PDB file of N, CA and C in Angstrom:
ATOM      1  N   MET A   1     112.521  73.659 121.817  1.00  0.00           N
ATOM      2  CA  MET A   1     111.175  73.533 121.328  1.00  0.00           C
ATOM      3  C   MET A   1     111.240  73.388 119.810  1.00  0.00           C
ATOM      4  N   SER A   2     110.660  72.336 119.291  1.00  0.00           N
ATOM      5  CA  SER A   2     110.656  72.137 117.845  1.00  0.00           C
ATOM      6  C   SER A   2     109.217  72.036 117.356  1.00  0.00           C
ATOM      7  N   PHE A   3     109.019  72.449 116.126  1.00  0.00           N
ATOM      8  CA  PHE A   3     107.693  72.444 115.518  1.00  0.00           C
ATOM      9  C   PHE A   3     107.750  71.575 114.277  1.00  0.00           C
ATOM     10  N   SER A   4     106.665  70.841 114.040  1.00  0.00           N
ATOM     11  CA  SER A   4     106.654  69.950 112.885  1.00  0.00           C
ATOM     12  C   SER A   4     106.167  70.647 111.623  1.00  0.00           C
ATOM     13  N   SER A   5     105.581  71.825 111.755  1.00  0.00           N
ATOM     14  CA  SER A   5     105.144  72.569 110.563  1.00  0.00           C
ATOM     15  C   SER A   5     105.199  74.064 110.852  1.00  0.00           C
ATOM     16  N   PHE A   6     105.126  74.836 109.798  1.00  0.00           N
ATOM     17  CA  PHE A   6     105.152  76.286 109.935  1.00  0.00           C
ATOM     18  C   PHE A   6     103.889  76.778 110.641  1.00  0.00           C
ATOM     19  N   GLY A   7     102.766  76.116 110.406  1.00  0.00           N
ATOM     20  CA  GLY A   7     101.523  76.471 111.084  1.00  0.00           C
ATOM     21  C   GLY A   7     101.637  76.304 112.589  1.00  0.00           C
ATOM     22  N   GLU A   8     102.275  75.247 113.037  1.00  0.00           N
ATOM     23  CA  GLU A   8     102.497  75.049 114.476  1.00  0.00           C
ATOM     24  C   GLU A   8     103.435  76.113 115.038  1.00  0.00           C
ATOM     25  N   PHE A   9     104.416  76.492 114.231  1.00  0.00           N
ATOM     26  CA  PHE A   9     105.318  77.550 114.659  1.00  0.00           C
ATOM     27  C   PHE A   9     104.544  78.850 114.874  1.00  0.00           C
ATOM     28  N   LEU A  10     103.660  79.198 113.958  1.00  0.00           N
ATOM     29  CA  LEU A  10     102.869  80.416 114.095  1.00  0.00           C
ATOM     30  C   LEU A  10     101.901  80.327 115.277  1.00  0.00           C
ATOM     31  N   ALA A  11     101.360  79.135 115.522  1.00  0.00           N
ATOM     32  CA  ALA A  11     100.413  78.957 116.629  1.00  0.00           C
ATOM     33  C   ALA A  11     101.119  78.976 117.989  1.00  0.00           C
ATOM     34  N   MET A  12     102.400  78.636 118.021  1.00  0.00           N
ATOM     35  CA  MET A  12     103.203  78.646 119.247  1.00  0.00           C
ATOM     36  C   MET A  12     102.514  77.918 120.397  1.00  0.00           C
ATOM     37  N   GLY A  13     101.996  76.749 120.135  1.00  0.00           N
ATOM     38  CA  GLY A  13     101.348  75.974 121.193  1.00  0.00           C
ATOM     39  C   GLY A  13     100.136  76.697 121.754  1.00  0.00           C
ATOM     40  N   HIS A  14      99.324  77.280 120.897  1.00  0.00           N
ATOM     41  CA  HIS A  14      98.095  78.028 121.235  1.00  0.00           C
ATOM     42  C   HIS A  14      98.378  79.344 121.963  1.00  0.00           C
ATOM     43  N   HIS A  15      99.613  79.804 121.931  1.00  0.00           N
ATOM     44  CA  HIS A  15      99.966  81.096 122.512  1.00  0.00           C
ATOM     45  C   HIS A  15     100.415  82.074 121.437  1.00  0.00           C
ATOM     46  N   GLY A  16     100.182  81.729 120.193  1.00  0.00           N
ATOM     47  CA  GLY A  16     100.669  82.536 119.070  1.00  0.00           C
ATOM     48  C   GLY A  16     100.158  83.959 119.070  1.00  0.00           C
ATOM     49  N   LEU A  17      98.880  84.161 119.386  1.00  0.00           N
ATOM     50  CA  LEU A  17      98.325  85.511 119.389  1.00  0.00           C
ATOM     51  C   LEU A  17      99.074  86.394 120.377  1.00  0.00           C
ATOM     52  N   TYR A  18      99.318  85.884 121.567  1.00  0.00           N
ATOM     53  CA  TYR A  18     100.061  86.652 122.576  1.00  0.00           C
ATOM     54  C   TYR A  18     101.498  86.896 122.128  1.00  0.00           C
ATOM     55  N   VAL A  19     102.159  85.855 121.646  1.00  0.00           N
ATOM     56  CA  VAL A  19     103.565  85.959 121.267  1.00  0.00           C
ATOM     57  C   VAL A  19     103.740  86.949 120.130  1.00  0.00           C
ATOM     58  N   TRP A  20     102.953  86.812 119.065  1.00  0.00           N
ATOM     59  CA  TRP A  20     103.133  87.670 117.895  1.00  0.00           C
ATOM     60  C   TRP A  20     102.666  89.096 118.151  1.00  0.00           C
ATOM     61  N   SER A  21     101.648  89.267 119.002  1.00  0.00           N
ATOM     62  CA  SER A  21     101.244  90.634 119.334  1.00  0.00           C
ATOM     63  C   SER A  21     102.312  91.308 120.195  1.00  0.00           C
ATOM     64  N   ALA A  22     102.965  90.554 121.071  1.00  0.00           N
ATOM     65  CA  ALA A  22     104.057  91.115 121.873  1.00  0.00           C
ATOM     66  C   ALA A  22     105.219  91.544 120.976  1.00  0.00           C
ATOM     67  N   TYR A  23     105.551  90.720 119.989  1.00  0.00           N
ATOM     68  CA  TYR A  23     106.589  91.115 119.027  1.00  0.00           C
ATOM     69  C   TYR A  23     106.163  92.366 118.267  1.00  0.00           C
ATOM     70  N   GLY A  24     104.908  92.452 117.885  1.00  0.00           N
ATOM     71  CA  GLY A  24     104.416  93.616 117.156  1.00  0.00           C
ATOM     72  C   GLY A  24     104.484  94.885 117.984  1.00  0.00           C
ATOM     73  N   VAL A  25     104.094  94.796 119.256  1.00  0.00           N
ATOM     74  CA  VAL A  25     104.161  95.962 120.140  1.00  0.00           C
ATOM     75  C   VAL A  25     105.611  96.398 120.329  1.00  0.00           C
ATOM     76  N   CYS A  26     106.501  95.447 120.543  1.00  0.00           N
ATOM     77  CA  CYS A  26     107.927  95.782 120.709  1.00  0.00           C
ATOM     78  C   CYS A  26     108.486  96.443 119.453  1.00  0.00           C
ATOM     79  N   LEU A  27     108.137  95.917 118.295  1.00  0.00           N
ATOM     80  CA  LEU A  27     108.596  96.512 117.043  1.00  0.00           C
ATOM     81  C   LEU A  27     108.046  97.927 116.888  1.00  0.00           C
ATOM     82  N   GLY A  28     106.778  98.128 117.249  1.00  0.00           N
ATOM     83  CA  GLY A  28     106.184  99.455 117.173  1.00  0.00           C
ATOM     84  C   GLY A  28     106.891 100.448 118.076  1.00  0.00           C
ATOM     85  N   VAL A  29     107.211 100.042 119.293  1.00  0.00           N
ATOM     86  CA  VAL A  29     107.916 100.924 120.230  1.00  0.00           C
ATOM     87  C   VAL A  29     109.309 101.252 119.708  1.00  0.00           C
ATOM     88  N   LEU A  30     109.997 100.258 119.171  1.00  0.00           N
ATOM     89  CA  LEU A  30     111.325 100.518 118.618  1.00  0.00           C
ATOM     90  C   LEU A  30     111.260 101.499 117.453  1.00  0.00           C
ATOM     91  N   LEU A  31     110.273 101.340 116.582  1.00  0.00           N
ATOM     92  CA  LEU A  31     110.132 102.261 115.452  1.00  0.00           C
ATOM     93  C   LEU A  31     109.813 103.674 115.930  1.00  0.00           C
ATOM     94  N   LEU A  32     108.974 103.796 116.951  1.00  0.00           N
ATOM     95  CA  LEU A  32     108.686 105.117 117.513  1.00  0.00           C
ATOM     96  C   LEU A  32     109.942 105.741 118.130  1.00  0.00           C
ATOM     97  N   ASN A  33     110.729 104.924 118.829  1.00  0.00           N
ATOM     98  CA  ASN A  33     111.967 105.420 119.438  1.00  0.00           C
ATOM     99  C   ASN A  33     112.983 105.873 118.392  1.00  0.00           C
ATOM    100  N   LEU A  34     112.905 105.317 117.204  1.00  0.00           N
ATOM    101  CA  LEU A  34     113.778 105.757 116.120  1.00  0.00           C
ATOM    102  C   LEU A  34     113.187 106.954 115.378  1.00  0.00           C
ATOM    103  N   GLY A  35     111.900 106.903 115.115  1.00  0.00           N
ATOM    104  CA  GLY A  35     111.272 107.899 114.250  1.00  0.00           C
ATOM    105  C   GLY A  35     110.986 109.230 114.901  1.00  0.00           C
ATOM    106  N   LEU A  36     110.514 109.242 116.126  1.00  0.00           N
ATOM    107  CA  LEU A  36     110.127 110.505 116.767  1.00  0.00           C
ATOM    108  C   LEU A  36     111.299 111.472 116.954  1.00  0.00           C
ATOM    109  N   PRO A  37     112.467 111.034 117.392  1.00  0.00           N
ATOM    110  CA  PRO A  37     113.588 111.981 117.478  1.00  0.00           C
ATOM    111  C   PRO A  37     114.007 112.535 116.106  1.00  0.00           C
ATOM    112  N   ILE A  38     113.938 111.709 115.091  1.00  0.00           N
ATOM    113  CA  ILE A  38     114.278 112.179 113.741  1.00  0.00           C
ATOM    114  C   ILE A  38     113.293 113.255 113.302  1.00  0.00           C
ATOM    115  N   LEU A  39     112.003 113.016 113.527  1.00  0.00           N
ATOM    116  CA  LEU A  39     110.993 114.010 113.165  1.00  0.00           C
ATOM    117  C   LEU A  39     111.144 115.286 113.985  1.00  0.00           C
ATOM    118  N   ALA A  40     111.464 115.151 115.261  1.00  0.00           N
ATOM    119  CA  ALA A  40     111.661 116.323 116.109  1.00  0.00           C
ATOM    120  C   ALA A  40     112.855 117.145 115.625  1.00  0.00           C
ATOM    121  N   ARG A  41     113.913 116.482 115.227  1.00  0.00           N
ATOM    122  CA  ARG A  41     115.091 117.191 114.707  1.00  0.00           C
ATOM    123  C   ARG A  41     114.762 117.925 113.433  1.00  0.00           C
ATOM    124  N   LEU A  42     114.042 117.282 112.518  1.00  0.00           N
ATOM    125  CA  LEU A  42     113.652 117.938 111.273  1.00  0.00           C
ATOM    126  C   LEU A  42     112.769 119.152 111.548  1.00  0.00           C
ATOM    127  N   ARG A  43     111.826 119.003 112.463  1.00  0.00           N
ATOM    128  CA  ARG A  43     110.946 120.115 112.821  1.00  0.00           C
ATOM    129  C   ARG A  43     111.761 121.264 113.429  1.00  0.00           C
ATOM    130  N   TYR A  44     112.715 120.949 114.290  1.00  0.00           N
ATOM    131  CA  TYR A  44     113.579 121.974 114.892  1.00  0.00           C
ATOM    132  C   TYR A  44     114.383 122.706 113.826  1.00  0.00           C
ATOM    133  N   LEU A  45     114.977 121.951 112.889  1.00  0.00           N
ATOM    134  CA  LEU A  45     115.777 122.582 111.835  1.00  0.00           C
ATOM    135  C   LEU A  45     114.913 123.471 110.946  1.00  0.00           C
ATOM    136  N   GLN A  46     113.690 123.045 110.648  1.00  0.00           N
ATOM    137  CA  GLN A  46     112.786 123.878 109.856  1.00  0.00           C
ATOM    138  C   GLN A  46     112.428 125.157 110.607  1.00  0.00           C
ATOM    139  N   ASP A  47     112.160 125.049 111.887  1.00  0.00           N
ATOM    140  CA  ASP A  47     111.830 126.222 112.698  1.00  0.00           C
ATOM    141  C   ASP A  47     113.005 127.195 112.764  1.00  0.00           C
ATOM    142  N   GLU A  48     114.206 126.669 112.925  1.00  0.00           N
ATOM    143  CA  GLU A  48     115.388 127.526 112.976  1.00  0.00           C
ATOM    144  C   GLU A  48     115.627 128.212 111.636  1.00  0.00           C
ATOM    145  N   ALA A  49     115.438 127.490 110.536  1.00  0.00           N
ATOM    146  CA  ALA A  49     115.605 128.090 109.209  1.00  0.00           C
ATOM    147  C   ALA A  49     114.580 129.201 109.004  1.00  0.00           C
ATOM    148  N   ARG A  50     113.348 128.961 109.439  1.00  0.00           N
ATOM    149  CA  ARG A  50     112.300 129.976 109.343  1.00  0.00           C
ATOM    150  C   ARG A  50     112.671 131.208 110.177  1.00  0.00           C
ATOM    151  N   ARG A  51     113.179 130.978 111.388  1.00  0.00           N
ATOM    152  CA  ARG A  51     113.576 132.078 112.259  1.00  0.00           C
ATOM    153  C   ARG A  51     114.720 132.882 111.655  1.00  0.00           C
ATOM    154  N   MET A  52     115.697 132.200 111.075  1.00  0.00           N
ATOM    155  CA  MET A  52     116.834 132.878 110.450  1.00  0.00           C
ATOM    156  C   MET A  52     116.375 133.731 109.264  1.00  0.00           C
ATOM    157  N   ARG A  53     115.480 133.196 108.430  1.00  0.00           N
ATOM    158  CA  ARG A  53     114.963 133.974 107.293  1.00  0.00           C
ATOM    159  C   ARG A  53     114.207 135.197 107.785  1.00  0.00           C
ATOM    160  N   ARG A  54     113.437 135.024 108.853  1.00  0.00           N
ATOM    161  CA  ARG A  54     112.660 136.131 109.412  1.00  0.00           C
ATOM    162  C   ARG A  54     113.593 137.217 109.945  1.00  0.00           C
ATOM    163  N   GLU A  55     114.670 136.818 110.609  1.00  0.00           N
ATOM    164  CA  GLU A  55     115.606 137.798 111.154  1.00  0.00           C
ATOM    165  C   GLU A  55     116.387 138.511 110.047  1.00  0.00           C
ATOM    166  N   GLU A  56     116.693 137.806 108.953  1.00  0.00           N
ATOM    167  CA  GLU A  56     117.421 138.416 107.849  1.00  0.00           C
ATOM    168  C   GLU A  56     116.556 139.444 107.117  1.00  0.00           C
ATOM    169  N   SER A  57     115.271 139.240 107.076  1.00  0.00           N
ATOM    170  CA  SER A  57     114.392 140.139 106.336  1.00  0.00           C
ATOM    171  C   SER A  57     114.067 141.417 107.097  1.00  0.00           C
ATOM    172  N   LYS A  58     114.428 141.486 108.366  1.00  0.00           N
ATOM    173  CA  LYS A  58     114.129 142.693 109.159  1.00  0.00           C
ATOM    174  C   LYS A  58     115.065 143.818 108.826  1.00  0.00           C
TER     175      LYS A  58
END
């Protein structure tokens, strides 16, 4: 499939909205799959540090 202009490439034969929104959703899911475990790990480490400080102060 070849396009004669960048505008035609973006339009994707009048399917551009579907194509680009599908890419956007996939990118969003990938970012969530990367970001949520990192945030969960940071939250866990903060909770453990808080617990350790609490136990040391007793």
